[in-house]
Amino acid sequence: MRHPVHRQNSRSGFTFVELAVAMTILLVALLIFSSTISGMAKQRAVNRETNLAVSAARNMIETLRSQAFEQVFVLYDADPNDDPGGAATGPGNHFAVPGLDPTADAPGGMQGEIVFPTVVDPLKGLELREDLEDRQLGMPRDLSGDNVVDDQDHRAGYFILPVLVRVRWMSPNGIRQYDLSTQLCKYKKS
């Protein structure tokens, strides 16, 4: 009578090759996961900065709208000598944006700038002009409402005022910029 032979399984556990393959797969998965997390953190920082810039630009537009329309230009232009309360009494054309780092060339360390359709005349100084070519501001354009686009200074009699609010800042990825343009008009209460 023969007895059945019990063979012992020679494979009990993982071989070195199987273990190496499993570790390689785990390592690749961890690298993919960590790069995804790193990318999400960078994008979160970019989104935070962009939200700060957008909010600052919108708030500045609302600040401009809250001023007396006839004084918006002289209060927020680049010439401190034409401010209604005397030289350098107006806010000017630059503003700070808390939470954003200024660029190296930012005037006074301020990230925000207000831009109007202006030119600098060597004799007259800063002028609000209709004949300026500026696509972002929708220029040239009749600012005085006389149906003529001319080369005169319209700071004393504008009907519509194009404005661009620009925020420039230094981010970890380099210089970034956000522009918001609109047209301000005199609001008449009925």
C-alpha atoms as a PDB file:
ATOM      1  CA  MET A   1       0.000   0.000   0.000  1.00  0.00           C
ATOM      2  CA  ARG A   2       1.299   3.283  -0.970  1.00  0.00           C
ATOM      3  CA  HIS A   3       0.909   6.376   1.051  1.00  0.00           C
ATOM      4  CA  PRO A   4       0.220   9.694  -0.658  1.00  0.00           C
ATOM      5  CA  VAL A   5       3.232  11.934  -0.735  1.00  0.00           C
ATOM      6  CA  HIS A   6       2.687  15.378   0.604  1.00  0.00           C
ATOM      7  CA  ARG A   7       4.724  17.916  -1.161  1.00  0.00           C
ATOM      8  CA  GLN A   8       5.569  20.999   0.678  1.00  0.00           C
ATOM      9  CA  ASN A   9       4.986  24.239  -1.226  1.00  0.00           C
ATOM     10  CA  SER A  10       8.341  25.700  -2.015  1.00  0.00           C
ATOM     11  CA  ARG A  11       6.862  29.200  -2.342  1.00  0.00           C
ATOM     12  CA  SER A  12       5.980  30.624   0.990  1.00  0.00           C
ATOM     13  CA  GLY A  13       6.086  34.469   0.832  1.00  0.00           C
ATOM     14  CA  PHE A  14       7.316  36.987  -1.731  1.00  0.00           C
ATOM     15  CA  THR A  15      10.405  36.730  -3.784  1.00  0.00           C
ATOM     16  CA  PHE A  16      12.817  39.643  -3.925  1.00  0.00           C
ATOM     17  CA  VAL A  17      11.707  40.518  -7.472  1.00  0.00           C
ATOM     18  CA  GLU A  18       8.043  40.627  -6.469  1.00  0.00           C
ATOM     19  CA  LEU A  19       8.876  42.781  -3.476  1.00  0.00           C
ATOM     20  CA  ALA A  20      10.932  45.173  -5.644  1.00  0.00           C
ATOM     21  CA  VAL A  21       8.098  45.520  -8.166  1.00  0.00           C
ATOM     22  CA  ALA A  22       5.570  46.200  -5.395  1.00  0.00           C
ATOM     23  CA  MET A  23       7.858  48.816  -3.801  1.00  0.00           C
ATOM     24  CA  THR A  24       8.415  50.503  -7.188  1.00  0.00           C
ATOM     25  CA  ILE A  25       4.671  50.741  -7.775  1.00  0.00           C
ATOM     26  CA  LEU A  26       4.153  52.204  -4.294  1.00  0.00           C
ATOM     27  CA  LEU A  27       6.967  54.714  -4.828  1.00  0.00           C
ATOM     28  CA  VAL A  28       5.528  55.886  -8.163  1.00  0.00           C
ATOM     29  CA  ALA A  29       2.084  56.245  -6.590  1.00  0.00           C
ATOM     30  CA  LEU A  30       3.536  58.300  -3.715  1.00  0.00           C
ATOM     31  CA  LEU A  31       5.439  60.544  -6.136  1.00  0.00           C
ATOM     32  CA  ILE A  32       2.291  61.177  -8.180  1.00  0.00           C
ATOM     33  CA  PHE A  33       0.315  61.913  -5.020  1.00  0.00           C
ATOM     34  CA  SER A  34       2.936  64.303  -3.635  1.00  0.00           C
ATOM     35  CA  SER A  35       3.271  66.193  -6.925  1.00  0.00           C
ATOM     36  CA  THR A  36      -0.517  66.550  -7.057  1.00  0.00           C
ATOM     37  CA  ILE A  37      -0.602  67.916  -3.501  1.00  0.00           C
ATOM     38  CA  SER A  38       2.285  70.288  -4.303  1.00  0.00           C
ATOM     39  CA  GLY A  39       0.523  71.524  -7.445  1.00  0.00           C
ATOM     40  CA  MET A  40      -2.689  72.084  -5.506  1.00  0.00           C
ATOM     41  CA  ALA A  41      -0.828  74.139  -2.881  1.00  0.00           C
ATOM     42  CA  LYS A  42       0.770  76.320  -5.570  1.00  0.00           C
ATOM     43  CA  GLN A  43      -2.577  76.801  -7.304  1.00  0.00           C
ATOM     44  CA  ARG A  44      -4.185  77.721  -3.994  1.00  0.00           C
ATOM     45  CA  ALA A  45      -1.566  80.480  -3.529  1.00  0.00           C
ATOM     46  CA  VAL A  46      -2.132  81.744  -7.086  1.00  0.00           C
ATOM     47  CA  ASN A  47      -5.899  81.779  -6.519  1.00  0.00           C
ATOM     48  CA  ARG A  48      -5.496  83.664  -3.227  1.00  0.00           C
ATOM     49  CA  GLU A  49      -3.298  86.319  -4.866  1.00  0.00           C
ATOM     50  CA  THR A  50      -5.639  86.667  -7.841  1.00  0.00           C
ATOM     51  CA  ASN A  51      -8.650  87.054  -5.539  1.00  0.00           C
ATOM     52  CA  LEU A  52      -6.848  89.809  -3.615  1.00  0.00           C
ATOM     53  CA  ALA A  53      -6.028  91.627  -6.862  1.00  0.00           C
ATOM     54  CA  VAL A  54      -9.562  91.299  -8.249  1.00  0.00           C
ATOM     55  CA  SER A  55     -11.108  92.504  -4.980  1.00  0.00           C
ATOM     56  CA  ALA A  56      -8.731  95.469  -4.777  1.00  0.00           C
ATOM     57  CA  ALA A  57      -9.467  96.500  -8.379  1.00  0.00           C
ATOM     58  CA  ARG A  58     -13.231  96.217  -7.894  1.00  0.00           C
ATOM     59  CA  ASN A  59     -13.068  98.143  -4.627  1.00  0.00           C
ATOM     60  CA  MET A  60     -11.117 100.924  -6.328  1.00  0.00           C
ATOM     61  CA  ILE A  61     -13.711 101.143  -9.116  1.00  0.00           C
ATOM     62  CA  GLU A  62     -16.415 101.480  -6.452  1.00  0.00           C
ATOM     63  CA  THR A  63     -14.339 104.126  -4.662  1.00  0.00           C
ATOM     64  CA  LEU A  64     -14.081 106.099  -7.906  1.00  0.00           C
ATOM     65  CA  ARG A  65     -17.832 105.795  -8.447  1.00  0.00           C
ATOM     66  CA  SER A  66     -18.516 107.094  -4.942  1.00  0.00           C
ATOM     67  CA  GLN A  67     -16.670 110.382  -5.603  1.00  0.00           C
ATOM     68  CA  ALA A  68     -18.185 113.499  -7.114  1.00  0.00           C
ATOM     69  CA  PHE A  69     -17.977 112.710 -10.834  1.00  0.00           C
ATOM     70  CA  GLU A  70     -16.456 116.086 -11.767  1.00  0.00           C
ATOM     71  CA  GLN A  71     -13.568 115.524  -9.331  1.00  0.00           C
ATOM     72  CA  VAL A  72     -12.682 111.886 -10.064  1.00  0.00           C
ATOM     73  CA  PHE A  73     -10.016 112.761 -12.613  1.00  0.00           C
ATOM     74  CA  VAL A  74      -8.243 115.463 -10.574  1.00  0.00           C
ATOM     75  CA  LEU A  75      -8.352 113.365  -7.392  1.00  0.00           C
ATOM     76  CA  TYR A  76      -6.961 110.181  -8.952  1.00  0.00           C
ATOM     77  CA  ASP A  77      -4.745 111.352 -11.818  1.00  0.00           C
ATOM     78  CA  ALA A  78      -0.944 111.251 -11.789  1.00  0.00           C
ATOM     79  CA  ASP A  79      -0.560 115.031 -11.268  1.00  0.00           C
ATOM     80  CA  PRO A  80      -0.511 115.963  -7.558  1.00  0.00           C
ATOM     81  CA  ASN A  81      -0.596 119.683  -8.407  1.00  0.00           C
ATOM     82  CA  ASP A  82      -4.218 119.692  -9.617  1.00  0.00           C
ATOM     83  CA  ASP A  83      -5.799 118.215  -6.481  1.00  0.00           C
ATOM     84  CA  PRO A  84      -8.919 120.156  -5.382  1.00  0.00           C
ATOM     85  CA  GLY A  85      -7.660 120.702  -1.829  1.00  0.00           C
ATOM     86  CA  GLY A  86      -4.213 121.878  -2.878  1.00  0.00           C
ATOM     87  CA  ALA A  87      -1.061 120.180  -4.111  1.00  0.00           C
ATOM     88  CA  ALA A  88      -0.738 116.508  -3.098  1.00  0.00           C
ATOM     89  CA  THR A  89      -3.960 116.427  -1.036  1.00  0.00           C
ATOM     90  CA  GLY A  90      -5.740 113.858  -3.219  1.00  0.00           C
ATOM     91  CA  PRO A  91      -5.282 110.090  -3.138  1.00  0.00           C
ATOM     92  CA  GLY A  92      -3.392 110.061  -6.451  1.00  0.00           C
ATOM     93  CA  ASN A  93      -3.165 107.316  -9.014  1.00  0.00           C
ATOM     94  CA  HIS A  94      -1.433 104.633  -6.897  1.00  0.00           C
ATOM     95  CA  PHE A  95      -2.852 102.530  -4.076  1.00  0.00           C
ATOM     96  CA  ALA A  96      -1.686  99.719  -1.822  1.00  0.00           C
ATOM     97  CA  VAL A  97      -3.077  96.192  -1.926  1.00  0.00           C
ATOM     98  CA  PRO A  98      -2.520  94.450   1.428  1.00  0.00           C
ATOM     99  CA  GLY A  99      -1.474  90.826   1.099  1.00  0.00           C
ATOM    100  CA  LEU A 100       0.372  91.238  -2.217  1.00  0.00           C
ATOM    101  CA  ASP A 101       4.099  91.850  -2.520  1.00  0.00           C
ATOM    102  CA  PRO A 102       5.011  94.913  -4.594  1.00  0.00           C
ATOM    103  CA  THR A 103       7.264  94.616  -7.625  1.00  0.00           C
ATOM    104  CA  ALA A 104      10.733  96.135  -7.433  1.00  0.00           C
ATOM    105  CA  ASP A 105       9.662  99.068  -9.635  1.00  0.00           C
ATOM    106  CA  ALA A 106       6.374  99.806  -7.793  1.00  0.00           C
ATOM    107  CA  PRO A 107       6.115 103.529  -6.964  1.00  0.00           C
ATOM    108  CA  GLY A 108       6.077 103.895  -3.202  1.00  0.00           C
ATOM    109  CA  GLY A 109       5.731 100.120  -2.851  1.00  0.00           C
ATOM    110  CA  MET A 110       2.140 100.336  -4.049  1.00  0.00           C
ATOM    111  CA  GLN A 111       0.753  97.526  -6.190  1.00  0.00           C
ATOM    112  CA  GLY A 112      -2.271  99.357  -7.625  1.00  0.00           C
ATOM    113  CA  GLU A 113      -2.451 102.011 -10.334  1.00  0.00           C
ATOM    114  CA  ILE A 114      -5.315 104.040 -11.814  1.00  0.00           C
ATOM    115  CA  VAL A 115      -4.907 104.877 -15.502  1.00  0.00           C
ATOM    116  CA  PHE A 116      -6.875 107.484 -17.450  1.00  0.00           C
ATOM    117  CA  PRO A 117      -6.518 108.414 -21.150  1.00  0.00           C
ATOM    118  CA  THR A 118      -3.856 111.055 -20.588  1.00  0.00           C
ATOM    119  CA  VAL A 119      -0.849 112.522 -22.317  1.00  0.00           C
ATOM    120  CA  VAL A 120       1.817 114.819 -20.924  1.00  0.00           C
ATOM    121  CA  ASP A 121       2.105 118.073 -22.835  1.00  0.00           C
ATOM    122  CA  PRO A 122       5.557 119.662 -22.317  1.00  0.00           C
ATOM    123  CA  LEU A 123       3.989 123.077 -21.690  1.00  0.00           C
ATOM    124  CA  LYS A 124       0.577 122.308 -20.171  1.00  0.00           C
ATOM    125  CA  GLY A 125       1.361 119.155 -18.206  1.00  0.00           C
ATOM    126  CA  LEU A 126      -1.039 116.227 -17.844  1.00  0.00           C
ATOM    127  CA  GLU A 127      -4.081 116.360 -20.150  1.00  0.00           C
ATOM    128  CA  LEU A 128      -7.218 114.215 -20.387  1.00  0.00           C
ATOM    129  CA  ARG A 129      -7.450 113.569 -24.117  1.00  0.00           C
ATOM    130  CA  GLU A 130      -9.994 112.078 -26.520  1.00  0.00           C
ATOM    131  CA  ASP A 131      -7.544 111.356 -29.352  1.00  0.00           C
ATOM    132  CA  LEU A 132      -5.362 108.934 -27.399  1.00  0.00           C
ATOM    133  CA  GLU A 133      -5.008 105.458 -28.934  1.00  0.00           C
ATOM    134  CA  ASP A 134      -5.586 102.934 -26.128  1.00  0.00           C
ATOM    135  CA  ARG A 135      -7.538  99.760 -26.818  1.00  0.00           C
ATOM    136  CA  GLN A 136      -7.944  98.835 -23.138  1.00  0.00           C
ATOM    137  CA  LEU A 137      -9.630 102.155 -22.434  1.00  0.00           C
ATOM    138  CA  GLY A 138     -11.732 102.079 -25.600  1.00  0.00           C
ATOM    139  CA  MET A 139      -9.942 105.111 -26.990  1.00  0.00           C
ATOM    140  CA  PRO A 140     -10.116 107.259 -29.053  1.00  0.00           C
ATOM    141  CA  ARG A 141     -13.553 108.287 -27.854  1.00  0.00           C
ATOM    142  CA  ASP A 142     -15.662 111.419 -27.439  1.00  0.00           C
ATOM    143  CA  LEU A 143     -15.359 112.231 -23.724  1.00  0.00           C
ATOM    144  CA  SER A 144     -17.126 115.593 -23.747  1.00  0.00           C
ATOM    145  CA  GLY A 145     -20.319 114.558 -25.536  1.00  0.00           C
ATOM    146  CA  ASP A 146     -19.910 117.073 -28.381  1.00  0.00           C
ATOM    147  CA  ASN A 147     -19.688 114.331 -31.059  1.00  0.00           C
ATOM    148  CA  VAL A 148     -16.139 115.374 -31.954  1.00  0.00           C
ATOM    149  CA  VAL A 149     -12.915 113.567 -31.041  1.00  0.00           C
ATOM    150  CA  ASP A 150     -10.320 116.321 -30.731  1.00  0.00           C
ATOM    151  CA  ASP A 151      -6.846 116.894 -29.277  1.00  0.00           C
ATOM    152  CA  GLN A 152      -7.942 119.232 -26.467  1.00  0.00           C
ATOM    153  CA  ASP A 153      -7.688 118.777 -22.699  1.00  0.00           C
ATOM    154  CA  HIS A 154     -11.090 117.649 -21.352  1.00  0.00           C
ATOM    155  CA  ARG A 155     -10.367 117.534 -17.622  1.00  0.00           C
ATOM    156  CA  ALA A 156     -12.809 120.387 -17.008  1.00  0.00           C
ATOM    157  CA  GLY A 157     -15.689 118.973 -19.045  1.00  0.00           C
ATOM    158  CA  TYR A 158     -15.884 115.241 -19.504  1.00  0.00           C
ATOM    159  CA  PHE A 159     -19.181 113.432 -19.885  1.00  0.00           C
ATOM    160  CA  ILE A 160     -17.693 109.946 -19.787  1.00  0.00           C
ATOM    161  CA  LEU A 161     -14.445 108.899 -18.127  1.00  0.00           C
ATOM    162  CA  PRO A 162     -12.649 105.697 -19.167  1.00  0.00           C
ATOM    163  CA  VAL A 163     -10.559 104.218 -16.384  1.00  0.00           C
ATOM    164  CA  LEU A 164      -8.251 101.239 -16.063  1.00  0.00           C
ATOM    165  CA  VAL A 165      -7.368  99.863 -12.642  1.00  0.00           C
ATOM    166  CA  ARG A 166      -4.184  97.807 -12.749  1.00  0.00           C
ATOM    167  CA  VAL A 167      -2.755  95.658  -9.972  1.00  0.00           C
ATOM    168  CA  ARG A 168       0.840  94.396 -10.389  1.00  0.00           C
ATOM    169  CA  TRP A 169       2.544  92.240  -7.801  1.00  0.00           C
ATOM    170  CA  MET A 170       5.438  89.894  -7.261  1.00  0.00           C
ATOM    171  CA  SER A 171       4.404  86.291  -6.764  1.00  0.00           C
ATOM    172  CA  PRO A 172       6.604  83.216  -6.264  1.00  0.00           C
ATOM    173  CA  ASN A 173       6.117  82.556 -10.003  1.00  0.00           C
ATOM    174  CA  GLY A 174       7.252  86.059 -11.052  1.00  0.00           C
ATOM    175  CA  ILE A 175       5.464  89.328 -11.787  1.00  0.00           C
ATOM    176  CA  ARG A 176       1.699  89.034 -12.193  1.00  0.00           C
ATOM    177  CA  GLN A 177      -0.821  91.638 -13.311  1.00  0.00           C
ATOM    178  CA  TYR A 178      -4.588  92.070 -13.255  1.00  0.00           C
ATOM    179  CA  ASP A 179      -6.336  94.818 -15.271  1.00  0.00           C
ATOM    180  CA  LEU A 180      -9.937  95.953 -14.870  1.00  0.00           C
ATOM    181  CA  SER A 181     -11.329  98.680 -17.116  1.00  0.00           C
ATOM    182  CA  THR A 182     -14.644 100.477 -17.116  1.00  0.00           C
ATOM    183  CA  GLN A 183     -16.294 103.727 -18.159  1.00  0.00           C
ATOM    184  CA  LEU A 184     -17.556 106.098 -15.498  1.00  0.00           C
ATOM    185  CA  CYS A 185     -20.537 108.312 -16.318  1.00  0.00           C
ATOM    186  CA  LYS A 186     -22.312 111.025 -14.432  1.00  0.00           C
ATOM    187  CA  TYR A 187     -25.351 109.611 -12.691  1.00  0.00           C
ATOM    188  CA  LYS A 188     -28.439 111.802 -12.782  1.00  0.00           C
ATOM    189  CA  LYS A 189     -31.047 111.343 -10.072  1.00  0.00           C
ATOM    190  CA  SER A 190     -34.582 111.650 -11.380  1.00  0.00           C
END
